Amino acid sequence: MTTLENTTGTTPVASDLIAGFPFPFPEDRYRYSTNVEPAEQPVVTPAGQWGAAVVDIDSEYRSELDQRAAILAADPSRHAVLPHMVPAAWDTMLTLMRELDAVYPEQMHLENLGGDEWLWRNDILGIEQRFRYADAATLPDEPLRYIASQVQEDIALLDQRNDQLFVDAGVVTFAADWSFGFDVGMSFLEIHGPVPRIRKEGVITRAHEFLKRLQPHQPYRRTNWTLTIDRRLDVSTEIYHEWGPDRETIQHVDDEEFGRRVHLRVEVQHLIRLPDSGAIVFLIRTYLLPLDQLATVEPWRRRAAEVLAELPADMAEYKGIIKYRDRAAQYLRDAAPVAPLPSGPGMPEWPTTPPPVDTTGAAFLVVAIGRDPETAHVSRNWVSTAEAAGTTRLLVLDSLTEEEDRTALAAALDDAVIGTRIMVAGGQYDVMTALALAREAGAVPAELAAYVTDFGDLPMYCAHCRDTFRVEAVPGGVVACPGCARDLEIHEHHSPTMGSYLASAAGGDE
């Protein structure tokens, strides 16, 4: 169990959204390809893993389903089932129920009561429904819409006839700059006609032939990507007037806002031949990760910057990112980590990578201080590991120069039991101060771990006014004391107990 406390006023991001993010670039350049591979094979990434199941439930489950319900209520054209696709809709519903039951057995339950009678339970949403297969009167909604209200994936159904595939049914509420309502009834080849290069390079033809050869019980997957401004799942053509202008205005915001608002948008698309109807299910699950969070995973930061910078103009134009992709690439390049200051005698020895969680602890207290995206990323990874080992508490603070935050940390330390592992991430001042407070509360070195994400400031103890201050300086530098106004030299000598560097009058002057 994880306790989350946030005193910064910002919305915390769930740890699974980075750990499970399907980063789409296997190399430093991107071109259209079928990039199809067998599904249900986990992909390990620098942040975690993804891809173990066809249907993925994460911390955004309720929120995304609420968004889907609102979109369908406002625009019924996002849902369509042509008459000949009714059997495929039932086939899809039962197939996805079986998948949910297999992957999430503690929350999802499908039971055959004999013949065509079934009992379905979704404990997350509090749903219990008995139904008869292919009997519409036994469900509260059309079967495709019913199951779409319980999975985060968009669903498109393709019918195969006359040696072609046609999109003849679906529930698509999170389209990326296309219109499901317009495309219903069109062939697969017609829908992809506007995509540059794919016909000339034969990509769409190969994809079409591959889909026609799909066999039941052999699901495949592929990824697709673009950039989206803000955490907006619905960027469909129908509401372009709502989100289209952002492509212009985003060019005029500062870097902090740019990194927070521009998201790498990745679709994991699953391709499944249904066992009874023979139709093809095209599941589209959308994941969004802001650039400032992506930049905290160094291999992702570097590779995404290269891909965006190298992407041909016609592809950037089609993806709708031509106006700001260069800035996105530069933002990621500028976010390269700065090497920490060298250690020496009398200096703290900071790890260059986040230390691992000591899972032998009796409990775990993770303290994330400040708004640096890397701090958030490191603390989330710690929490993800720690909560699998025992009771875990995450304390999110703004700054230990604030009395309220010091009080919150002191209270958390007082509540910690013997053997609690205390892990601190943040800027150098906050980390040194937090560790000193932890030692004062009785923590021993074996119980402490820390990772410094910013070396721009430090705690300085003035030997003359006998007080500690937060200053933007480095050991060996000279700074005016905020207390006595003397010019102080900050010595390469720190006290773990006091949590500060010693400073005295520069040049020995009084």
Protein backbone atom coordinates (compact mmCIF):
# COMPACT_ATOMS: atom_id res chain seq x y z
CA MET A 1 0.00 0.00 0.00
CA THR A 2 1.30 3.46 -0.90
CA THR A 3 0.36 6.63 0.94
CA LEU A 4 0.70 9.72 -1.22
CA GLU A 5 1.02 13.16 0.33
CA ASN A 6 1.47 16.19 -1.90
CA THR A 7 2.15 19.65 -0.47
CA THR A 8 3.29 21.26 -3.74
CA GLY A 9 -0.16 21.91 -5.18
CA THR A 10 0.67 19.89 -8.29
CA THR A 11 -1.09 16.73 -9.40
CA PRO A 12 1.09 13.67 -8.73
CA VAL A 13 1.63 11.34 -11.68
CA ALA A 14 1.06 7.66 -11.02
CA SER A 15 4.26 5.63 -11.16
CA ASP A 16 2.80 3.09 -13.58
CA LEU A 17 2.36 5.68 -16.34
CA ILE A 18 6.12 5.88 -16.85
CA ALA A 19 6.96 2.31 -15.86
CA GLY A 20 4.42 0.96 -18.36
CA PHE A 21 5.03 3.49 -21.13
CA PRO A 22 5.58 1.83 -24.55
CA PHE A 23 8.47 3.91 -25.88
CA PRO A 24 8.17 3.40 -29.66
CA PHE A 25 11.64 4.05 -31.12
CA PRO A 26 14.04 1.10 -31.50
CA GLU A 27 16.60 3.28 -33.31
CA ASP A 28 17.56 6.92 -33.88
CA ARG A 29 15.45 7.37 -37.02
CA TYR A 30 11.84 6.62 -37.85
CA ARG A 31 10.19 5.58 -41.10
CA TYR A 32 6.82 4.03 -41.77
CA SER A 33 6.82 0.26 -41.51
CA THR A 34 4.42 -2.50 -40.57
CA ASN A 35 6.50 -3.09 -37.37
CA VAL A 36 4.24 -6.01 -36.48
CA GLU A 37 5.27 -8.52 -33.83
CA PRO A 38 3.55 -11.26 -31.81
CA ALA A 39 1.53 -9.88 -28.91
CA GLU A 40 1.65 -10.80 -25.23
CA GLN A 41 5.45 -10.63 -25.14
CA PRO A 42 6.73 -8.30 -22.39
CA VAL A 43 9.06 -5.53 -23.54
CA VAL A 44 11.60 -4.43 -20.93
CA THR A 45 12.47 -0.72 -21.01
CA PRO A 46 14.79 1.53 -18.96
CA ALA A 47 11.75 2.54 -16.90
CA GLY A 48 9.91 -0.78 -16.53
CA GLN A 49 8.06 -2.96 -19.01
CA TRP A 50 4.93 -3.13 -21.15
CA GLY A 51 3.15 -5.51 -23.48
CA ALA A 52 2.49 -8.59 -21.35
CA ALA A 53 -1.23 -8.56 -22.13
CA VAL A 54 -3.55 -7.57 -24.96
CA VAL A 55 -5.74 -5.43 -22.69
CA ASP A 56 -3.99 -3.08 -20.28
CA ILE A 57 -5.57 -1.52 -17.19
CA ASP A 58 -3.64 1.23 -15.43
CA SER A 59 -4.23 4.02 -12.93
CA GLU A 60 -6.12 6.07 -15.55
CA TYR A 61 -8.81 3.38 -15.94
CA ARG A 62 -11.77 5.17 -14.39
CA SER A 63 -10.77 8.57 -15.74
CA GLU A 64 -10.46 7.36 -19.33
CA LEU A 65 -13.72 5.43 -19.20
CA ASP A 66 -15.46 8.54 -17.88
CA GLN A 67 -14.01 10.51 -20.79
CA ARG A 68 -15.24 7.90 -23.25
CA ALA A 69 -18.75 7.99 -21.81
CA ALA A 70 -18.86 11.79 -22.07
CA ILE A 71 -17.60 11.74 -25.67
CA LEU A 72 -20.15 9.13 -26.74
CA ALA A 73 -22.94 11.08 -25.09
CA ALA A 74 -21.90 14.23 -26.95
CA ASP A 75 -21.13 12.57 -30.30
CA PRO A 76 -22.91 9.27 -31.06
CA SER A 77 -21.03 8.97 -34.39
CA ARG A 78 -18.02 7.64 -32.46
CA HIS A 79 -19.91 4.33 -32.16
CA ALA A 80 -21.19 2.36 -35.12
CA VAL A 81 -22.09 -1.25 -35.88
CA LEU A 82 -23.29 -1.96 -39.42
CA PRO A 83 -26.03 -4.64 -39.43
CA HIS A 84 -23.86 -7.46 -40.76
CA MET A 85 -21.32 -6.84 -37.95
CA VAL A 86 -23.63 -7.66 -35.03
CA PRO A 87 -22.20 -11.20 -34.66
CA ALA A 88 -18.67 -9.75 -34.66
CA ALA A 89 -19.66 -7.31 -31.92
CA TRP A 90 -20.76 -10.18 -29.69
CA ASP A 91 -17.62 -12.11 -30.60
CA THR A 92 -15.51 -9.10 -29.63
CA MET A 93 -17.25 -8.64 -26.31
CA LEU A 94 -16.77 -12.25 -25.26
CA THR A 95 -13.16 -12.31 -26.49
CA LEU A 96 -12.27 -9.23 -24.44
CA MET A 97 -14.11 -10.53 -21.38
CA ARG A 98 -12.06 -13.72 -21.58
CA GLU A 99 -8.88 -11.68 -21.87
CA LEU A 100 -9.77 -9.53 -18.87
CA ASP A 101 -10.68 -12.60 -16.81
CA ALA A 102 -7.34 -14.23 -17.66
CA VAL A 103 -5.12 -11.19 -17.05
CA TYR A 104 -6.94 -9.60 -14.08
CA PRO A 105 -8.51 -12.57 -12.26
CA GLU A 106 -8.86 -10.69 -8.97
CA GLN A 107 -10.99 -7.94 -10.50
CA MET A 108 -12.58 -9.46 -13.61
CA HIS A 109 -14.63 -12.66 -13.69
CA LEU A 110 -16.32 -14.48 -16.58
CA GLU A 111 -18.26 -17.65 -15.82
CA ASN A 112 -20.09 -19.91 -18.24
CA LEU A 113 -23.35 -20.98 -16.66
CA GLY A 114 -24.05 -23.55 -19.34
CA GLY A 115 -24.68 -23.23 -23.06
CA ASP A 116 -24.98 -19.58 -24.08
CA GLU A 117 -25.60 -18.34 -20.53
CA TRP A 118 -22.80 -16.28 -18.98
CA LEU A 119 -22.11 -14.29 -15.82
CA TRP A 120 -19.77 -11.30 -16.04
CA ARG A 121 -18.36 -9.33 -13.10
CA ASN A 122 -16.16 -6.26 -13.18
CA ASP A 123 -15.29 -5.60 -9.55
CA ILE A 124 -13.46 -2.35 -10.30
CA LEU A 125 -16.63 -0.76 -11.65
CA GLY A 126 -19.04 -2.77 -9.50
CA ILE A 127 -20.69 -4.46 -12.49
CA GLU A 128 -22.41 -7.84 -12.38
CA GLN A 129 -24.28 -8.91 -15.51
CA ARG A 130 -25.87 -12.17 -16.49
CA PHE A 131 -26.42 -12.45 -20.24
CA ARG A 132 -27.24 -14.84 -23.03
CA TYR A 133 -24.80 -14.76 -25.91
CA ALA A 134 -26.27 -13.07 -29.01
CA ASP A 135 -29.43 -12.04 -27.13
CA ALA A 136 -29.44 -8.23 -27.08
CA ALA A 137 -32.28 -8.15 -24.56
CA THR A 138 -29.95 -9.55 -21.87
CA LEU A 139 -27.46 -6.66 -22.00
CA PRO A 140 -28.01 -3.04 -20.94
CA ASP A 141 -26.27 -1.79 -24.11
CA GLU A 142 -25.15 -2.86 -27.56
CA PRO A 143 -22.38 -5.45 -26.91
CA LEU A 144 -19.52 -3.51 -28.52
CA ARG A 145 -20.40 -0.35 -26.66
CA TYR A 146 -20.93 -2.36 -23.48
CA ILE A 147 -17.41 -3.80 -23.47
CA ALA A 148 -15.90 -0.51 -24.69
CA SER A 149 -17.19 1.04 -21.47
CA GLN A 150 -14.91 -1.34 -19.55
CA VAL A 151 -11.62 -1.24 -21.48
CA GLN A 152 -9.34 1.72 -22.14
CA GLU A 153 -8.71 0.63 -25.72
CA ASP A 154 -10.58 2.02 -28.71
CA ILE A 155 -12.08 -0.78 -30.80
CA ALA A 156 -12.43 -1.02 -34.58
CA LEU A 157 -13.83 -4.11 -36.32
CA LEU A 158 -12.75 -5.06 -39.83
CA ASP A 159 -14.85 -7.29 -42.06
CA GLN A 160 -13.05 -9.31 -44.74
CA ARG A 161 -14.88 -9.70 -48.03
CA ASN A 162 -14.01 -9.59 -51.73
CA ASP A 163 -10.35 -9.93 -50.75
CA GLN A 164 -10.46 -6.59 -48.90
CA LEU A 165 -10.88 -5.38 -45.34
CA PHE A 166 -13.57 -2.87 -44.39
CA VAL A 167 -13.96 -0.92 -41.15
CA ASP A 168 -17.61 -1.68 -40.51
CA ALA A 169 -17.96 -1.31 -36.74
CA GLY A 170 -16.26 0.19 -33.73
CA VAL A 171 -16.14 2.47 -30.71
CA VAL A 172 -13.42 5.06 -31.25
CA THR A 173 -13.36 8.02 -28.88
CA PHE A 174 -9.62 8.75 -28.75
CA ALA A 175 -8.76 9.13 -32.44
CA ALA A 176 -5.53 10.92 -33.33
CA ASP A 177 -6.56 13.39 -36.04
CA TRP A 178 -8.97 11.15 -37.95
CA SER A 179 -12.72 10.63 -38.02
CA PHE A 180 -14.16 7.22 -37.25
CA GLY A 181 -17.66 8.39 -38.15
CA PHE A 182 -16.45 9.40 -41.61
CA ASP A 183 -14.40 6.24 -42.16
CA VAL A 184 -17.07 3.67 -41.23
CA GLY A 185 -17.72 1.47 -44.26
CA MET A 186 -14.48 2.41 -46.01
CA SER A 187 -11.83 -0.12 -46.94
CA PHE A 188 -8.54 -0.38 -45.08
CA LEU A 189 -6.68 0.83 -48.18
CA GLU A 190 -9.01 3.80 -48.66
CA ILE A 191 -8.65 4.92 -45.05
CA HIS A 192 -4.86 4.98 -45.27
CA GLY A 193 -4.74 6.74 -48.63
CA PRO A 194 -3.67 10.15 -47.22
CA VAL A 195 -0.64 8.80 -45.34
CA PRO A 196 2.54 9.92 -47.17
CA ARG A 197 5.06 7.39 -48.51
CA ILE A 198 3.21 4.23 -47.48
CA ARG A 199 1.84 3.38 -50.94
CA LYS A 200 5.06 4.20 -52.76
CA GLU A 201 7.07 2.14 -50.28
CA GLY A 202 4.53 -0.69 -50.25
CA VAL A 203 3.93 -0.50 -46.50
CA ILE A 204 0.15 -0.34 -46.65
CA THR A 205 -0.10 -3.21 -49.13
CA ARG A 206 2.07 -5.45 -46.97
CA ALA A 207 0.02 -4.54 -43.90
CA HIS A 208 -3.21 -5.32 -45.74
CA GLU A 209 -1.95 -8.73 -46.84
CA PHE A 210 -0.67 -9.50 -43.36
CA LEU A 211 -4.03 -8.70 -41.79
CA LYS A 212 -5.87 -10.95 -44.21
CA ARG A 213 -3.65 -13.86 -43.15
CA LEU A 214 -4.26 -13.43 -39.41
CA GLN A 215 -5.35 -16.59 -37.60
CA PRO A 216 -7.51 -16.91 -34.47
CA HIS A 217 -5.66 -17.14 -31.14
CA GLN A 218 -2.52 -15.59 -32.65
CA PRO A 219 -2.72 -11.88 -31.76
CA TYR A 220 -0.17 -9.43 -33.08
CA ARG A 221 0.66 -5.84 -32.21
CA ARG A 222 2.36 -2.75 -33.54
CA THR A 223 2.98 0.81 -32.34
CA ASN A 224 2.30 4.20 -33.82
CA TRP A 225 3.17 7.64 -32.47
CA THR A 226 2.82 11.39 -32.75
CA LEU A 227 2.99 14.41 -30.44
CA THR A 228 -0.06 15.80 -28.66
CA ILE A 229 -0.38 19.06 -26.78
CA ASP A 230 -1.75 18.57 -23.27
CA ARG A 231 -3.02 15.30 -21.86
CA ARG A 232 -5.79 15.14 -24.44
CA LEU A 233 -6.83 11.70 -25.62
CA ASP A 234 -9.54 12.92 -27.98
CA VAL A 235 -7.88 14.77 -30.85
CA SER A 236 -10.35 13.61 -33.47
CA THR A 237 -11.14 15.55 -36.62
CA GLU A 238 -14.61 16.41 -35.32
CA ILE A 239 -13.21 18.68 -32.61
CA TYR A 240 -10.19 20.06 -34.45
CA HIS A 241 -11.41 23.56 -33.63
CA GLU A 242 -10.76 22.80 -29.95
CA TRP A 243 -7.22 21.44 -30.18
CA GLY A 244 -5.87 22.53 -33.55
CA PRO A 245 -4.97 26.11 -32.49
CA ASP A 246 -2.68 24.69 -29.78
CA ARG A 247 -0.19 23.76 -32.49
CA GLU A 248 0.36 27.46 -33.05
CA THR A 249 0.13 28.80 -29.50
CA ILE A 250 2.50 26.17 -28.07
CA GLN A 251 5.33 27.82 -29.99
CA HIS A 252 5.08 30.92 -27.80
CA VAL A 253 5.23 29.42 -24.29
CA ASP A 254 8.36 29.17 -22.14
CA ASP A 255 10.41 26.00 -21.94
CA GLU A 256 8.94 24.82 -18.66
CA GLU A 257 5.40 25.02 -20.00
CA PHE A 258 6.46 23.50 -23.32
CA GLY A 259 7.96 20.44 -21.64
CA ARG A 260 4.95 20.01 -19.41
CA ARG A 261 2.32 20.35 -22.14
CA VAL A 262 3.83 18.59 -25.16
CA HIS A 263 3.33 14.82 -24.91
CA LEU A 264 4.75 11.89 -26.80
CA ARG A 265 1.60 10.02 -27.83
CA VAL A 266 1.98 6.30 -28.48
CA GLU A 267 -0.65 3.88 -29.71
CA VAL A 268 -0.25 0.18 -29.05
CA GLN A 269 -2.42 -1.46 -31.69
CA HIS A 270 -3.44 -5.09 -31.23
CA LEU A 271 -4.63 -7.14 -34.19
CA ILE A 272 -6.84 -10.14 -33.41
CA ARG A 273 -8.74 -12.53 -35.66
CA LEU A 274 -11.98 -13.37 -33.86
CA PRO A 275 -12.60 -17.10 -33.43
CA ASP A 276 -16.33 -17.27 -34.28
CA SER A 277 -17.18 -14.43 -36.67
CA GLY A 278 -13.82 -14.30 -38.45
CA ALA A 279 -13.74 -10.51 -38.23
CA ILE A 280 -10.56 -8.69 -37.20
CA VAL A 281 -10.43 -6.66 -33.99
CA PHE A 282 -8.18 -3.62 -34.15
CA LEU A 283 -7.56 -2.46 -30.57
CA ILE A 284 -5.96 0.96 -30.15
CA ARG A 285 -4.62 1.82 -26.71
CA THR A 286 -3.27 5.36 -26.34
CA TYR A 287 -0.51 6.37 -23.91
CA LEU A 288 0.64 9.93 -23.23
CA LEU A 289 3.89 11.05 -21.60
CA PRO A 290 4.92 14.73 -21.30
CA LEU A 291 8.37 15.60 -22.58
CA ASP A 292 9.57 16.77 -19.18
CA GLN A 293 8.83 13.31 -17.80
CA LEU A 294 10.21 11.51 -20.83
CA ALA A 295 13.45 13.47 -20.43
CA THR A 296 14.02 11.89 -17.02
CA VAL A 297 14.66 8.53 -18.70
CA GLU A 298 17.99 9.24 -20.34
CA PRO A 299 17.92 6.66 -23.19
CA TRP A 300 14.43 7.85 -24.14
CA ARG A 301 15.43 11.52 -24.01
CA ARG A 302 18.40 11.06 -26.30
CA ARG A 303 16.66 8.82 -28.82
CA ALA A 304 13.44 10.84 -29.06
CA ALA A 305 15.49 13.98 -29.69
CA GLU A 306 17.30 12.29 -32.56
CA VAL A 307 14.10 10.89 -34.09
CA LEU A 308 12.32 14.24 -34.00
CA ALA A 309 15.28 16.13 -35.42
CA GLU A 310 15.77 13.68 -38.29
CA LEU A 311 12.09 13.09 -39.18
CA PRO A 312 11.42 14.06 -42.83
CA ALA A 313 9.26 17.15 -43.28
CA ASP A 314 6.43 15.38 -45.11
CA MET A 315 6.05 12.90 -42.26
CA ALA A 316 6.17 15.67 -39.66
CA GLU A 317 3.55 17.56 -41.65
CA TYR A 318 1.23 14.55 -41.80
CA LYS A 319 1.59 13.95 -38.08
CA GLY A 320 0.69 17.58 -37.46
CA ILE A 321 3.90 18.39 -35.59
CA ILE A 322 5.82 20.31 -38.24
CA LYS A 323 5.42 23.65 -36.44
CA TYR A 324 6.97 22.56 -33.16
CA ARG A 325 8.91 19.35 -33.71
CA ASP A 326 12.25 21.22 -34.00
CA ARG A 327 11.62 22.87 -30.67
CA ALA A 328 10.63 19.53 -29.16
CA ALA A 329 13.90 18.01 -30.37
CA GLN A 330 15.88 20.94 -28.96
CA TYR A 331 14.01 20.79 -25.66
CA LEU A 332 15.01 17.16 -25.25
CA ARG A 333 18.62 17.88 -26.22
CA ASP A 334 18.80 20.73 -23.72
CA ALA A 335 17.46 18.41 -21.02
CA ALA A 336 20.65 16.31 -21.09
CA PRO A 337 21.79 15.62 -17.53
CA VAL A 338 24.60 17.71 -16.11
CA ALA A 339 27.44 15.73 -14.57
CA PRO A 340 27.53 16.12 -10.77
CA LEU A 341 30.33 17.93 -9.05
CA PRO A 342 33.43 15.82 -8.36
CA SER A 343 33.84 14.40 -4.88
CA GLY A 344 36.87 14.91 -2.70
CA PRO A 345 38.04 14.81 0.91
CA GLY A 346 35.41 16.40 3.12
CA MET A 347 32.81 16.30 0.34
CA PRO A 348 29.64 14.17 0.32
CA GLU A 349 29.78 11.23 -2.06
CA TRP A 350 26.61 11.33 -4.11
CA PRO A 351 25.71 8.34 -6.29
CA THR A 352 25.63 9.00 -10.03
CA THR A 353 22.56 6.80 -10.45
CA PRO A 354 19.61 6.34 -8.07
CA PRO A 355 20.54 3.76 -5.43
CA PRO A 356 18.42 0.60 -5.37
CA VAL A 357 15.76 0.06 -2.75
CA ASP A 358 16.88 -2.07 0.19
CA THR A 359 13.89 -4.41 0.21
CA THR A 360 14.86 -5.88 3.59
CA GLY A 361 13.48 -2.77 5.29
CA ALA A 362 10.64 -3.01 7.79
CA ALA A 363 8.84 -0.21 5.92
CA PHE A 364 9.68 2.49 3.39
CA LEU A 365 9.52 6.28 3.39
CA VAL A 366 10.19 7.93 0.02
CA VAL A 367 10.67 11.70 0.17
CA ALA A 368 10.50 13.65 -3.10
CA ILE A 369 11.42 17.32 -2.72
CA GLY A 370 10.99 19.96 -5.41
CA ARG A 371 9.46 20.10 -8.87
CA ASP A 372 12.31 18.65 -10.92
CA PRO A 373 10.87 15.95 -13.25
CA GLU A 374 13.83 13.69 -12.48
CA THR A 375 12.98 13.84 -8.78
CA ALA A 376 9.46 12.67 -9.58
CA HIS A 377 10.76 9.89 -11.82
CA VAL A 378 13.29 8.59 -9.28
CA SER A 379 10.80 8.64 -6.42
CA ARG A 380 8.15 6.85 -8.48
CA ASN A 381 10.58 4.08 -9.33
CA TRP A 382 11.53 3.73 -5.68
CA VAL A 383 7.87 3.54 -4.70
CA SER A 384 7.13 0.95 -7.36
CA THR A 385 9.84 -1.33 -5.97
CA ALA A 386 9.23 -0.59 -2.30
CA GLU A 387 5.50 -1.16 -2.27
CA ALA A 388 6.07 -4.71 -3.51
CA ALA A 389 8.20 -5.32 -0.40
CA GLY A 390 6.21 -3.65 2.35
CA THR A 391 4.27 -0.66 3.63
CA THR A 392 5.38 2.37 1.64
CA ARG A 393 4.77 6.06 2.18
CA LEU A 394 5.50 8.73 -0.42
CA LEU A 395 5.92 12.27 0.88
CA VAL A 396 6.01 14.99 -1.78
CA LEU A 397 7.36 18.34 -0.58
CA ASP A 398 8.06 21.67 -2.22
CA SER A 399 11.13 22.90 -0.33
CA LEU A 400 12.70 22.42 3.08
CA THR A 401 13.13 26.16 3.38
CA GLU A 402 9.39 26.14 4.08
CA GLU A 403 8.48 25.53 7.71
CA GLU A 404 5.34 23.65 6.69
CA ASP A 405 7.39 21.17 4.69
CA ARG A 406 9.92 20.73 7.49
CA THR A 407 7.07 20.01 9.87
CA ALA A 408 5.58 17.46 7.47
CA LEU A 409 8.92 15.69 7.12
CA ALA A 410 9.50 15.72 10.88
CA ALA A 411 6.08 14.16 11.43
CA ALA A 412 6.76 11.46 8.86
CA LEU A 413 10.09 10.67 10.49
CA ASP A 414 8.44 10.48 13.91
CA ASP A 415 5.92 7.99 12.51
CA ALA A 416 8.62 5.77 11.00
CA VAL A 417 9.20 2.46 12.73
CA ILE A 418 12.63 1.01 13.47
CA GLY A 419 14.09 -0.43 10.30
CA THR A 420 12.27 1.94 7.93
CA ARG A 421 14.32 2.65 4.83
CA ILE A 422 14.30 6.40 4.13
CA MET A 423 14.99 7.43 0.53
CA VAL A 424 15.31 11.10 -0.43
CA ALA A 425 15.44 12.64 -3.90
CA GLY A 426 15.74 16.31 -4.79
CA GLY A 427 18.18 19.19 -5.05
CA GLN A 428 21.38 19.19 -3.00
CA TYR A 429 20.12 21.62 -0.34
CA ASP A 430 16.92 19.68 0.27
CA VAL A 431 18.61 16.28 0.26
CA MET A 432 21.33 17.31 2.73
CA THR A 433 18.76 18.98 4.97
CA ALA A 434 16.41 16.00 4.87
CA LEU A 435 19.19 13.55 5.68
CA ALA A 436 20.27 15.69 8.64
CA LEU A 437 16.70 15.76 9.95
CA ALA A 438 16.48 11.98 9.53
CA ARG A 439 19.72 11.48 11.48
CA GLU A 440 18.42 13.80 14.18
CA ALA A 441 15.28 11.65 14.37
CA GLY A 442 17.41 8.57 15.01
CA ALA A 443 17.98 7.08 11.57
CA VAL A 444 21.27 5.25 11.09
CA PRO A 445 23.33 5.26 7.87
CA ALA A 446 22.10 1.82 6.79
CA GLU A 447 18.54 3.16 6.76
CA LEU A 448 19.31 6.15 4.52
CA ALA A 449 19.63 6.52 0.75
CA ALA A 450 19.61 9.63 -1.40
CA TYR A 451 19.87 10.86 -4.96
CA VAL A 452 20.66 14.48 -5.85
CA THR A 453 18.99 15.71 -9.04
CA ASP A 454 20.24 19.32 -8.96
CA PHE A 455 23.54 20.70 -7.68
CA GLY A 456 22.60 24.34 -8.18
CA ASP A 457 22.30 25.17 -4.48
CA LEU A 458 23.52 23.93 -1.13
CA PRO A 459 23.11 24.46 2.63
CA MET A 460 25.84 26.79 3.93
CA TYR A 461 26.71 27.18 7.61
CA CYS A 462 28.20 30.60 8.38
CA ALA A 463 30.85 30.29 11.08
CA HIS A 464 30.31 33.93 12.02
CA CYS A 465 26.55 34.31 12.45
CA ARG A 466 26.24 30.60 13.28
CA ASP A 467 23.25 29.95 11.06
CA THR A 468 22.55 27.82 7.98
CA PHE A 469 21.30 29.32 4.72
CA ARG A 470 20.25 28.09 1.31
CA VAL A 471 22.58 29.61 -1.29
CA GLU A 472 23.21 29.16 -4.99
CA ALA A 473 26.89 28.37 -4.95
CA VAL A 474 29.43 25.57 -5.15
CA PRO A 475 32.09 24.44 -2.68
CA GLY A 476 35.18 26.59 -3.17
CA GLY A 477 33.09 29.56 -4.29
CA VAL A 478 32.48 32.89 -2.60
CA VAL A 479 29.03 34.14 -1.68
CA ALA A 480 27.58 36.95 0.41
CA CYS A 481 26.12 35.64 3.66
CA PRO A 482 22.36 36.30 3.83
CA GLY A 483 22.75 36.73 7.60
CA CYS A 484 25.83 38.84 8.34
CA ALA A 485 26.52 40.11 4.79
CA ARG A 486 30.18 39.02 4.88
CA ASP A 487 31.75 37.59 1.76
CA LEU A 488 32.14 33.93 2.64
CA GLU A 489 34.24 31.20 1.13
CA ILE A 490 32.42 27.88 1.10
CA HIS A 491 34.89 25.22 2.16
CA GLU A 492 35.06 21.73 0.70
CA HIS A 493 34.05 20.44 4.08
CA HIS A 494 30.58 19.34 5.11
CA SER A 495 28.92 18.01 8.25
CA PRO A 496 26.43 15.16 7.78
CA THR A 497 25.05 15.90 11.25
CA MET A 498 24.37 19.55 10.51
CA GLY A 499 23.57 18.87 6.88
CA SER A 500 25.61 21.80 5.60
CA TYR A 501 28.93 23.05 4.25
CA LEU A 502 31.18 25.20 6.42
CA ALA A 503 31.79 28.78 5.26
CA SER A 504 33.94 31.56 6.69
CA ALA A 505 35.09 35.04 5.74
CA ALA A 506 36.76 35.02 2.35
CA GLY A 507 40.52 35.56 2.62
CA GLY A 508 40.30 35.49 6.40
CA ASP A 509 38.88 39.05 6.45
CA GLU A 510 36.58 40.08 9.24
